[in-house]
C-alpha atoms as a PDB file:
ATOM      1  CA  UNK A   1      49.938 -22.317  68.202  1.00  0.00           C
ATOM      2  CA  UNK A   2      48.830 -25.702  67.463  1.00  0.00           C
ATOM      3  CA  UNK A   3      50.940 -28.983  68.200  1.00  0.00           C
ATOM      4  CA  UNK A   4      52.030 -28.772  64.335  1.00  0.00           C
ATOM      5  CA  UNK A   5      52.879 -25.107  63.979  1.00  0.00           C
ATOM      6  CA  UNK A   6      56.562 -25.820  64.779  1.00  0.00           C
ATOM      7  CA  UNK A   7      56.653 -29.247  62.797  1.00  0.00           C
ATOM      8  CA  UNK A   8      60.154 -28.660  61.102  1.00  0.00           C
ATOM      9  CA  UNK A   9      61.458 -28.849  64.823  1.00  0.00           C
ATOM     10  CA  UNK A  10      59.957 -32.559  65.042  1.00  0.00           C
ATOM     11  CA  UNK A  11      60.726 -35.801  63.359  1.00  0.00           C
ATOM     12  CA  UNK A  12      59.485 -36.623  59.966  1.00  0.00           C
ATOM     13  CA  UNK A  13      56.958 -39.468  59.733  1.00  0.00           C
ATOM     14  CA  UNK A  14      55.739 -39.413  56.317  1.00  0.00           C
ATOM     15  CA  UNK A  15      58.362 -38.371  53.543  1.00  0.00           C
ATOM     16  CA  UNK A  16      57.102 -37.892  49.955  1.00  0.00           C
ATOM     17  CA  UNK A  17      59.738 -36.977  47.307  1.00  0.00           C
ATOM     18  CA  UNK A  18      59.053 -36.261  43.485  1.00  0.00           C
ATOM     19  CA  UNK A  19      55.803 -38.353  43.557  1.00  0.00           C
ATOM     20  CA  UNK A  20      53.637 -38.721  40.423  1.00  0.00           C
ATOM     21  CA  UNK A  21      50.276 -40.814  40.190  1.00  0.00           C
ATOM     22  CA  UNK A  22      48.654 -41.902  36.883  1.00  0.00           C
ATOM     23  CA  UNK A  23      45.386 -43.442  36.366  1.00  0.00           C
ATOM     24  CA  UNK A  24      45.219 -45.025  32.968  1.00  0.00           C
ATOM     25  CA  UNK A  25      46.354 -42.311  30.424  1.00  0.00           C
ATOM     26  CA  UNK A  26      45.609 -39.388  32.828  1.00  0.00           C
ATOM     27  CA  UNK A  27      48.247 -38.203  35.064  1.00  0.00           C
ATOM     28  CA  UNK A  28      46.532 -37.031  38.211  1.00  0.00           C
ATOM     29  CA  UNK A  29      49.414 -35.061  39.537  1.00  0.00           C
ATOM     30  CA  UNK A  30      53.261 -35.249  39.713  1.00  0.00           C
ATOM     31  CA  UNK A  31      56.390 -33.626  41.369  1.00  0.00           C
ATOM     32  CA  UNK A  32      54.820 -33.722  44.756  1.00  0.00           C
ATOM     33  CA  UNK A  33      57.321 -33.362  47.755  1.00  0.00           C
ATOM     34  CA  UNK A  34      55.792 -33.654  51.083  1.00  0.00           C
ATOM     35  CA  UNK A  35      57.105 -33.943  54.668  1.00  0.00           C
ATOM     36  CA  UNK A  36      54.616 -34.339  57.370  1.00  0.00           C
ATOM     37  CA  UNK A  37      56.081 -34.228  61.032  1.00  0.00           C
ATOM     38  CA  UNK A  38      55.096 -35.829  64.255  1.00  0.00           C
ATOM     39  CA  UNK A  39      52.204 -33.957  65.811  1.00  0.00           C
ATOM     40  CA  UNK A  40      51.196 -32.301  62.671  1.00  0.00           C
ATOM     41  CA  UNK A  41      47.750 -32.282  60.984  1.00  0.00           C
ATOM     42  CA  UNK A  42      47.756 -31.903  57.283  1.00  0.00           C
ATOM     43  CA  UNK A  43      44.368 -31.645  55.438  1.00  0.00           C
ATOM     44  CA  UNK A  44      44.046 -32.670  51.808  1.00  0.00           C
ATOM     45  CA  UNK A  45      41.588 -30.800  49.628  1.00  0.00           C
ATOM     46  CA  UNK A  46      40.485 -30.887  46.111  1.00  0.00           C
ATOM     47  CA  UNK A  47      37.566 -31.966  43.838  1.00  0.00           C
ATOM     48  CA  UNK A  48      36.347 -35.402  42.978  1.00  0.00           C
ATOM     49  CA  UNK A  49      38.624 -37.152  40.870  1.00  0.00           C
ATOM     50  CA  UNK A  50      41.826 -35.020  41.718  1.00  0.00           C
ATOM     51  CA  UNK A  51      43.693 -38.006  43.428  1.00  0.00           C
ATOM     52  CA  UNK A  52      43.030 -37.421  47.057  1.00  0.00           C
ATOM     53  CA  UNK A  53      41.990 -41.020  47.873  1.00  0.00           C
ATOM     54  CA  UNK A  54      44.566 -42.304  45.525  1.00  0.00           C
ATOM     55  CA  UNK A  55      47.494 -40.529  47.405  1.00  0.00           C
ATOM     56  CA  UNK A  56      46.206 -42.462  50.865  1.00  0.00           C
ATOM     57  CA  UNK A  57      46.152 -45.741  48.934  1.00  0.00           C
ATOM     58  CA  UNK A  58      49.741 -45.113  47.631  1.00  0.00           C
ATOM     59  CA  UNK A  59      50.927 -44.292  51.197  1.00  0.00           C
ATOM     60  CA  UNK A  60      49.143 -47.627  52.281  1.00  0.00           C
ATOM     61  CA  UNK A  61      51.035 -49.550  49.506  1.00  0.00           C
ATOM     62  CA  UNK A  62      47.732 -50.263  47.542  1.00  0.00           C
ATOM     63  CA  UNK A  63      48.525 -48.066  44.606  1.00  0.00           C
ATOM     64  CA  UNK A  64      52.013 -47.843  42.777  1.00  0.00           C
ATOM     65  CA  UNK A  65      53.418 -44.466  42.101  1.00  0.00           C
ATOM     66  CA  UNK A  66      54.301 -43.825  38.261  1.00  0.00           C
ATOM     67  CA  UNK A  67      57.196 -41.784  39.966  1.00  0.00           C
ATOM     68  CA  UNK A  68      58.985 -41.144  43.127  1.00  0.00           C
ATOM     69  CA  UNK A  69      59.093 -42.577  46.726  1.00  0.00           C
ATOM     70  CA  UNK A  70      57.198 -42.538  49.906  1.00  0.00           C
ATOM     71  CA  UNK A  71      58.630 -43.514  53.247  1.00  0.00           C
ATOM     72  CA  UNK A  72      56.985 -43.903  56.677  1.00  0.00           C
ATOM     73  CA  UNK A  73      59.404 -43.689  59.725  1.00  0.00           C
ATOM     74  CA  UNK A  74      62.203 -43.772  57.389  1.00  0.00           C
ATOM     75  CA  UNK A  75      61.343 -46.989  55.621  1.00  0.00           C
ATOM     76  CA  UNK A  76      59.813 -47.514  52.205  1.00  0.00           C
ATOM     77  CA  UNK A  77      56.149 -48.161  52.173  1.00  0.00           C
ATOM     78  CA  UNK A  78      55.232 -51.946  52.460  1.00  0.00           C
ATOM     79  CA  UNK A  79      52.910 -53.611  50.026  1.00  0.00           C
ATOM     80  CA  UNK A  80      51.225 -56.030  52.747  1.00  0.00           C
ATOM     81  CA  UNK A  81      50.131 -53.684  55.444  1.00  0.00           C
ATOM     82  CA  UNK A  82      52.079 -51.376  57.675  1.00  0.00           C
ATOM     83  CA  UNK A  83      51.482 -51.463  61.502  1.00  0.00           C
ATOM     84  CA  UNK A  84      52.867 -47.941  61.635  1.00  0.00           C
ATOM     85  CA  UNK A  85      49.898 -46.606  59.806  1.00  0.00           C
ATOM     86  CA  UNK A  86      46.345 -46.265  61.166  1.00  0.00           C
ATOM     87  CA  UNK A  87      43.636 -45.846  58.506  1.00  0.00           C
ATOM     88  CA  UNK A  88      39.972 -44.292  59.167  1.00  0.00           C
ATOM     89  CA  UNK A  89      37.914 -44.882  56.137  1.00  0.00           C
ATOM     90  CA  UNK A  90      34.735 -43.090  54.969  1.00  0.00           C
ATOM     91  CA  UNK A  91      31.592 -43.201  57.329  1.00  0.00           C
ATOM     92  CA  UNK A  92      29.969 -45.708  55.411  1.00  0.00           C
ATOM     93  CA  UNK A  93      27.185 -47.465  57.324  1.00  0.00           C
ATOM     94  CA  UNK A  94      27.620 -51.361  57.562  1.00  0.00           C
ATOM     95  CA  UNK A  95      24.839 -53.543  56.531  1.00  0.00           C
ATOM     96  CA  UNK A  96      22.173 -53.690  59.175  1.00  0.00           C
ATOM     97  CA  UNK A  97      22.398 -57.546  59.227  1.00  0.00           C
ATOM     98  CA  UNK A  98      26.218 -57.257  60.179  1.00  0.00           C
ATOM     99  CA  UNK A  99      26.398 -59.559  63.517  1.00  0.00           C
ATOM    100  CA  UNK A 100      29.855 -58.330  64.459  1.00  0.00           C
ATOM    101  CA  UNK A 101      30.017 -56.642  67.789  1.00  0.00           C
ATOM    102  CA  UNK A 102      31.417 -53.384  68.399  1.00  0.00           C
ATOM    103  CA  UNK A 103      34.016 -54.968  70.822  1.00  0.00           C
ATOM    104  CA  UNK A 104      35.028 -57.302  67.856  1.00  0.00           C
ATOM    105  CA  UNK A 105      35.498 -54.667  65.260  1.00  0.00           C
ATOM    106  CA  UNK A 106      37.924 -52.750  67.577  1.00  0.00           C
ATOM    107  CA  UNK A 107      39.653 -56.236  68.485  1.00  0.00           C
ATOM    108  CA  UNK A 108      40.631 -56.562  64.789  1.00  0.00           C
ATOM    109  CA  UNK A 109      42.718 -53.612  65.178  1.00  0.00           C
ATOM    110  CA  UNK A 110      44.656 -55.421  67.938  1.00  0.00           C
ATOM    111  CA  UNK A 111      44.791 -58.953  66.554  1.00  0.00           C
ATOM    112  CA  UNK A 112      43.618 -58.662  62.904  1.00  0.00           C
ATOM    113  CA  UNK A 113      47.205 -58.841  61.622  1.00  0.00           C
ATOM    114  CA  UNK A 114      48.003 -62.235  62.854  1.00  0.00           C
ATOM    115  CA  UNK A 115      47.852 -65.223  60.491  1.00  0.00           C
ATOM    116  CA  UNK A 116      45.589 -68.028  60.976  1.00  0.00           C
ATOM    117  CA  UNK A 117      43.052 -67.938  63.745  1.00  0.00           C
ATOM    118  CA  UNK A 118      43.889 -65.325  66.440  1.00  0.00           C
ATOM    119  CA  UNK A 119      44.527 -66.792  69.952  1.00  0.00           C
ATOM    120  CA  UNK A 120      43.939 -64.328  72.694  1.00  0.00           C
ATOM    121  CA  UNK A 121      47.039 -63.082  74.210  1.00  0.00           C
ATOM    122  CA  UNK A 122      47.527 -61.621  77.630  1.00  0.00           C
ATOM    123  CA  UNK A 123      46.587 -57.929  77.637  1.00  0.00           C
ATOM    124  CA  UNK A 124      44.655 -57.976  74.518  1.00  0.00           C
ATOM    125  CA  UNK A 125      41.254 -57.584  76.314  1.00  0.00           C
ATOM    126  CA  UNK A 126      42.371 -54.820  78.672  1.00  0.00           C
ATOM    127  CA  UNK A 127      43.827 -53.061  75.411  1.00  0.00           C
ATOM    128  CA  UNK A 128      40.418 -53.415  73.643  1.00  0.00           C
ATOM    129  CA  UNK A 129      38.773 -52.009  76.878  1.00  0.00           C
ATOM    130  CA  UNK A 130      41.060 -49.043  76.910  1.00  0.00           C
ATOM    131  CA  UNK A 131      40.287 -48.238  73.114  1.00  0.00           C
ATOM    132  CA  UNK A 132      36.640 -48.618  73.652  1.00  0.00           C
ATOM    133  CA  UNK A 133      36.783 -46.283  76.689  1.00  0.00           C
ATOM    134  CA  UNK A 134      39.070 -43.842  74.731  1.00  0.00           C
ATOM    135  CA  UNK A 135      36.514 -43.335  71.813  1.00  0.00           C
ATOM    136  CA  UNK A 136      33.634 -43.102  74.094  1.00  0.00           C
ATOM    137  CA  UNK A 137      31.994 -46.441  72.938  1.00  0.00           C
ATOM    138  CA  UNK A 138      31.429 -48.228  76.356  1.00  0.00           C
ATOM    139  CA  UNK A 139      27.685 -47.852  75.924  1.00  0.00           C
ATOM    140  CA  UNK A 140      27.535 -49.761  72.623  1.00  0.00           C
ATOM    141  CA  UNK A 141      30.491 -51.963  72.216  1.00  0.00           C
ATOM    142  CA  UNK A 142      28.630 -55.040  72.899  1.00  0.00           C
ATOM    143  CA  UNK A 143      25.740 -54.358  70.327  1.00  0.00           C
ATOM    144  CA  UNK A 144      25.889 -55.705  66.742  1.00  0.00           C
ATOM    145  CA  UNK A 145      27.548 -52.999  64.681  1.00  0.00           C
ATOM    146  CA  UNK A 146      24.724 -53.268  62.064  1.00  0.00           C
ATOM    147  CA  UNK A 147      22.247 -51.690  64.693  1.00  0.00           C
ATOM    148  CA  UNK A 148      24.595 -48.598  65.452  1.00  0.00           C
ATOM    149  CA  UNK A 149      24.433 -45.261  63.868  1.00  0.00           C
ATOM    150  CA  UNK A 150      26.921 -43.801  61.627  1.00  0.00           C
ATOM    151  CA  UNK A 151      28.575 -42.018  64.287  1.00  0.00           C
ATOM    152  CA  UNK A 152      28.772 -45.009  66.605  1.00  0.00           C
ATOM    153  CA  UNK A 153      30.479 -46.985  63.802  1.00  0.00           C
ATOM    154  CA  UNK A 154      32.954 -44.442  63.055  1.00  0.00           C
ATOM    155  CA  UNK A 155      34.128 -43.948  66.547  1.00  0.00           C
ATOM    156  CA  UNK A 156      34.753 -47.946  66.572  1.00  0.00           C
ATOM    157  CA  UNK A 157      36.682 -47.591  63.449  1.00  0.00           C
ATOM    158  CA  UNK A 158      38.738 -44.859  64.955  1.00  0.00           C
ATOM    159  CA  UNK A 159      39.417 -47.190  67.834  1.00  0.00           C
ATOM    160  CA  UNK A 160      40.567 -49.890  65.370  1.00  0.00           C
ATOM    161  CA  UNK A 161      42.831 -47.561  63.524  1.00  0.00           C
ATOM    162  CA  UNK A 162      44.608 -46.341  66.890  1.00  0.00           C
ATOM    163  CA  UNK A 163      44.923 -49.884  68.111  1.00  0.00           C
ATOM    164  CA  UNK A 164      48.589 -49.977  67.691  1.00  0.00           C
ATOM    165  CA  UNK A 165      49.329 -46.172  68.679  1.00  0.00           C
ATOM    166  CA  UNK A 166      50.410 -45.345  64.896  1.00  0.00           C
ATOM    167  CA  UNK A 167      52.846 -42.723  64.228  1.00  0.00           C
ATOM    168  CA  UNK A 168      50.864 -42.010  61.061  1.00  0.00           C
ATOM    169  CA  UNK A 169      47.183 -41.693  60.853  1.00  0.00           C
ATOM    170  CA  UNK A 170      45.350 -41.530  57.512  1.00  0.00           C
ATOM    171  CA  UNK A 171      41.903 -40.442  57.391  1.00  0.00           C
ATOM    172  CA  UNK A 172      39.657 -40.665  54.131  1.00  0.00           C
ATOM    173  CA  UNK A 173      36.691 -38.316  54.581  1.00  0.00           C
ATOM    174  CA  UNK A 174      36.276 -39.696  58.119  1.00  0.00           C
ATOM    175  CA  UNK A 175      33.284 -37.094  58.741  1.00  0.00           C
ATOM    176  CA  UNK A 176      31.142 -37.813  55.874  1.00  0.00           C
ATOM    177  CA  UNK A 177      27.425 -38.474  56.664  1.00  0.00           C
ATOM    178  CA  UNK A 178      27.976 -37.695  60.278  1.00  0.00           C
ATOM    179  CA  UNK A 179      25.959 -35.150  62.529  1.00  0.00           C
ATOM    180  CA  UNK A 180      27.690 -32.192  63.982  1.00  0.00           C
ATOM    181  CA  UNK A 181      28.062 -33.825  67.225  1.00  0.00           C
ATOM    182  CA  UNK A 182      29.634 -36.899  65.734  1.00  0.00           C
ATOM    183  CA  UNK A 183      32.056 -34.903  63.534  1.00  0.00           C
ATOM    184  CA  UNK A 184      33.328 -33.253  66.547  1.00  0.00           C
ATOM    185  CA  UNK A 185      33.710 -36.242  68.552  1.00  0.00           C
ATOM    186  CA  UNK A 186      35.829 -37.976  65.624  1.00  0.00           C
ATOM    187  CA  UNK A 187      37.992 -34.842  65.300  1.00  0.00           C
ATOM    188  CA  UNK A 188      38.647 -34.842  68.889  1.00  0.00           C
ATOM    189  CA  UNK A 189      39.713 -38.475  68.739  1.00  0.00           C
ATOM    190  CA  UNK A 190      42.044 -37.761  65.900  1.00  0.00           C
ATOM    191  CA  UNK A 191      43.456 -34.600  67.452  1.00  0.00           C
ATOM    192  CA  UNK A 192      44.087 -36.027  70.845  1.00  0.00           C
ATOM    193  CA  UNK A 193      45.958 -38.859  69.417  1.00  0.00           C
ATOM    194  CA  UNK A 194      48.284 -36.685  67.568  1.00  0.00           C
ATOM    195  CA  UNK A 195      48.803 -34.407  70.524  1.00  0.00           C
ATOM    196  CA  UNK A 196      49.292 -36.937  73.323  1.00  0.00           C
ATOM    197  CA  UNK A 197      51.136 -39.379  70.909  1.00  0.00           C
ATOM    198  CA  UNK A 198      53.018 -37.134  68.594  1.00  0.00           C
ATOM    199  CA  UNK A 199      51.224 -38.790  65.683  1.00  0.00           C
ATOM    200  CA  UNK A 200      51.360 -37.284  62.153  1.00  0.00           C
ATOM    201  CA  UNK A 201      47.909 -37.187  60.512  1.00  0.00           C
ATOM    202  CA  UNK A 202      46.704 -36.697  56.897  1.00  0.00           C
ATOM    203  CA  UNK A 203      43.092 -36.165  56.564  1.00  0.00           C
ATOM    204  CA  UNK A 204      41.372 -36.140  53.158  1.00  0.00           C
ATOM    205  CA  UNK A 205      38.344 -34.002  53.649  1.00  0.00           C
ATOM    206  CA  UNK A 206      35.555 -32.277  51.486  1.00  0.00           C
ATOM    207  CA  UNK A 207      34.724 -29.659  54.084  1.00  0.00           C
ATOM    208  CA  UNK A 208      37.747 -28.054  55.914  1.00  0.00           C
ATOM    209  CA  UNK A 209      35.400 -25.905  58.297  1.00  0.00           C
ATOM    210  CA  UNK A 210      35.172 -28.416  61.141  1.00  0.00           C
ATOM    211  CA  UNK A 211      38.863 -28.806  61.257  1.00  0.00           C
ATOM    212  CA  UNK A 212      39.830 -24.913  60.611  1.00  0.00           C
ATOM    213  CA  UNK A 213      41.000 -24.552  64.482  1.00  0.00           C
ATOM    214  CA  UNK A 214      43.246 -27.595  64.356  1.00  0.00           C
ATOM    215  CA  UNK A 215      44.749 -28.075  61.093  1.00  0.00           C
ATOM    216  CA  UNK A 216      48.375 -27.186  60.458  1.00  0.00           C
ATOM    217  CA  UNK A 217      48.944 -27.058  56.655  1.00  0.00           C
ATOM    218  CA  UNK A 218      46.644 -27.648  53.635  1.00  0.00           C
ATOM    219  CA  UNK A 219      47.922 -29.778  50.356  1.00  0.00           C
ATOM    220  CA  UNK A 220      45.144 -28.524  47.787  1.00  0.00           C
ATOM    221  CA  UNK A 221      45.018 -30.631  44.657  1.00  0.00           C
ATOM    222  CA  UNK A 222      43.178 -29.541  41.567  1.00  0.00           C
ATOM    223  CA  UNK A 223      43.363 -29.660  37.964  1.00  0.00           C
ATOM    224  CA  UNK A 224      46.452 -31.769  37.873  1.00  0.00           C
ATOM    225  CA  UNK A 225      48.534 -29.278  40.186  1.00  0.00           C
ATOM    226  CA  UNK A 226      48.628 -28.605  43.582  1.00  0.00           C
ATOM    227  CA  UNK A 227      49.549 -26.138  46.445  1.00  0.00           C
ATOM    228  CA  UNK A 228      50.896 -26.698  50.069  1.00  0.00           C
ATOM    229  CA  UNK A 229      50.721 -24.084  52.895  1.00  0.00           C
ATOM    230  CA  UNK A 230      48.780 -22.939  56.042  1.00  0.00           C
ATOM    231  CA  UNK A 231      45.101 -22.351  55.758  1.00  0.00           C
ATOM    232  CA  UNK A 232      45.767 -18.471  55.775  1.00  0.00           C
ATOM    233  CA  UNK A 233      48.306 -19.166  52.701  1.00  0.00           C
ATOM    234  CA  UNK A 234      46.236 -21.472  50.657  1.00  0.00           C
ATOM    235  CA  UNK A 235      42.557 -20.823  51.239  1.00  0.00           C
ATOM    236  CA  UNK A 236      42.566 -17.457  49.455  1.00  0.00           C
ATOM    237  CA  UNK A 237      40.844 -16.169  46.229  1.00  0.00           C
ATOM    238  CA  UNK A 238      44.043 -15.739  44.338  1.00  0.00           C
ATOM    239  CA  UNK A 239      45.637 -18.907  45.116  1.00  0.00           C
ATOM    240  CA  UNK A 240      42.802 -21.139  44.225  1.00  0.00           C
ATOM    241  CA  UNK A 241      42.071 -18.997  41.170  1.00  0.00           C
ATOM    242  CA  UNK A 242      45.485 -19.783  39.838  1.00  0.00           C
ATOM    243  CA  UNK A 243      45.231 -23.555  40.918  1.00  0.00           C
ATOM    244  CA  UNK A 244      42.110 -24.086  39.045  1.00  0.00           C
ATOM    245  CA  UNK A 245      42.507 -21.671  36.124  1.00  0.00           C
ATOM    246  CA  UNK A 246      39.324 -20.064  36.790  1.00  0.00           C
ATOM    247  CA  UNK A 247      37.888 -17.477  38.958  1.00  0.00           C
ATOM    248  CA  UNK A 248      37.368 -18.625  42.405  1.00  0.00           C
ATOM    249  CA  UNK A 249      36.414 -16.700  45.370  1.00  0.00           C
ATOM    250  CA  UNK A 250      36.777 -17.516  49.102  1.00  0.00           C
ATOM    251  CA  UNK A 251      34.374 -15.643  51.381  1.00  0.00           C
ATOM    252  CA  UNK A 252      34.006 -15.844  55.315  1.00  0.00           C
ATOM    253  CA  UNK A 253      30.464 -16.382  56.427  1.00  0.00           C
ATOM    254  CA  UNK A 254      30.867 -15.951  60.240  1.00  0.00           C
ATOM    255  CA  UNK A 255      33.143 -18.757  61.528  1.00  0.00           C
ATOM    256  CA  UNK A 256      32.979 -20.782  58.084  1.00  0.00           C
ATOM    257  CA  UNK A 257      34.577 -20.408  54.970  1.00  0.00           C
ATOM    258  CA  UNK A 258      32.668 -20.433  51.696  1.00  0.00           C
ATOM    259  CA  UNK A 259      34.483 -21.303  48.469  1.00  0.00           C
ATOM    260  CA  UNK A 260      32.337 -19.821  45.109  1.00  0.00           C
ATOM    261  CA  UNK A 261      32.920 -20.667  41.629  1.00  0.00           C
ATOM    262  CA  UNK A 262      35.282 -23.792  42.196  1.00  0.00           C
ATOM    263  CA  UNK A 263      34.836 -26.064  39.202  1.00  0.00           C
ATOM    264  CA  UNK A 264      34.606 -29.918  40.164  1.00  0.00           C
ATOM    265  CA  UNK A 265      36.404 -32.501  38.159  1.00  0.00           C
ATOM    266  CA  UNK A 266      33.951 -35.313  38.091  1.00  0.00           C
ATOM    267  CA  UNK A 267      30.796 -34.162  40.062  1.00  0.00           C
ATOM    268  CA  UNK A 268      28.496 -31.317  40.588  1.00  0.00           C
ATOM    269  CA  UNK A 269      28.976 -31.070  44.377  1.00  0.00           C
ATOM    270  CA  UNK A 270      32.255 -29.609  45.780  1.00  0.00           C
ATOM    271  CA  UNK A 271      34.406 -30.064  48.747  1.00  0.00           C
ATOM    272  CA  UNK A 272      33.315 -27.330  50.784  1.00  0.00           C
ATOM    273  CA  UNK A 273      29.957 -27.691  52.532  1.00  0.00           C
ATOM    274  CA  UNK A 274      27.541 -24.883  52.241  1.00  0.00           C
ATOM    275  CA  UNK A 275      29.128 -23.124  49.412  1.00  0.00           C
ATOM    276  CA  UNK A 276      27.357 -21.556  46.391  1.00  0.00           C
ATOM    277  CA  UNK A 277      28.701 -21.946  42.614  1.00  0.00           C
ATOM    278  CA  UNK A 278      28.963 -18.833  40.479  1.00  0.00           C
END
């Protein structure tokens, strides 16, 4: 049983009620009710343009809901940052000429919220050292981040996001463009944080396969609708066919899931790596 399998017995960290999101004249989705419990990992799937990243932005207080409410730890989301939320963005390489050291990137998670010029506090360096060790970055923490690989940069971003031991961790396509080894490393960091700290995790991904053994529930958004349940309940041909309003087939290829025929909202690629299109 995964840590979040009995999530209903644990405190609710993220609570979303009757939420709706509109982008211009188009409503992305509406009527969303979601509780994410301590120690639970919920993956968010769906085609491009379905509102997955916009959902994360709404939780971060950067995108207003058109209806409904969002609470983190029992309090409404703030509009100027929230130390109870850690955020790991997509693995987009930083420019080669970025001179910021790996250590400096992690340090921003420790003191970047302070106004003015951050002054070192007792314990800050020890905290940064512990984060660097936790994400396995000791070998490259003193190098400029522009010289690091995408996987090394993403480990440092994870360290920055975990600086405050946040009870809620939001991840927006954190595995994109990473090789298999670095995918597993980043997944391991996220999974360890939710197991050891009891954090709730909401993770947007285009490929569920690397997470299949760890995810508790899936929120699948498509065609202005959504479905929520365990991987076994959601990743089925009949469920996705009803969601998309088109014939979709979910096949198993060894230890991987392959989705065939799912139309994408705005792009020719889809959210499951390695699938064929009908």
